[in-house]
Amino acid sequence: MMIRCAACGAEASLDAVIDHDAAASALAMALNITPLGKLIVRYLALFRPATRRLTWPRVASLLSELLPLIEAQRIERDGKVVEAPHHVWCSAIEKALLARDTGNLKLPLKTHGYLFEIIVTEGARSEARGLMVADTSMAATKPMSSTAQAIAKLEQRKQRG
């Protein structure tokens, strides 16, 4: 049975893919990253040269760079560690694919840098939302200073008349 990869454009028999060590390894890696498997395969298309196919050793290399980061659910970028749960990876890959579809991404990609920048940006937004929530919850439980208590008593007296 001949198959054609929608992501990399390679054509091969399914037997050849399974028998080829790098191909089999790449396929196993991609499909074991659930629910990311399908998105990862689509993401790999961003690395395909316009005039050539994406080789199986390159696919295996790309996946071996991503897999430990996806499993750890965090990346390190510019000396900062950013939490990256699976939903963040899914969202980041979808945004990268959207950038490709809208013509806002220069292809082929050489590294995962674009994806990592999306993850860092999303992580910063998420962290900011978390800090805002933490600040409001701390304000509610933090005891008032004696000055603030005195001002509050004065306000209460003022309202009573």
Foldseek 3Di string as FASTA:
>chain_A
DWDAQPQFGDIDDPVVQCPPVLSVQLLVLLVVLPPCNVLLSNLSSLQHDPVDGDDSNNSSVQSVVCRVCQVVQWDADPNDIFGHHPVLLVVLSVVVVVCVVVVNDDGNDDHCVSSVVSSVVVRVVVVVVVVVVVVVVCVVVPDDDPVVVVVVVVVVVVVVD
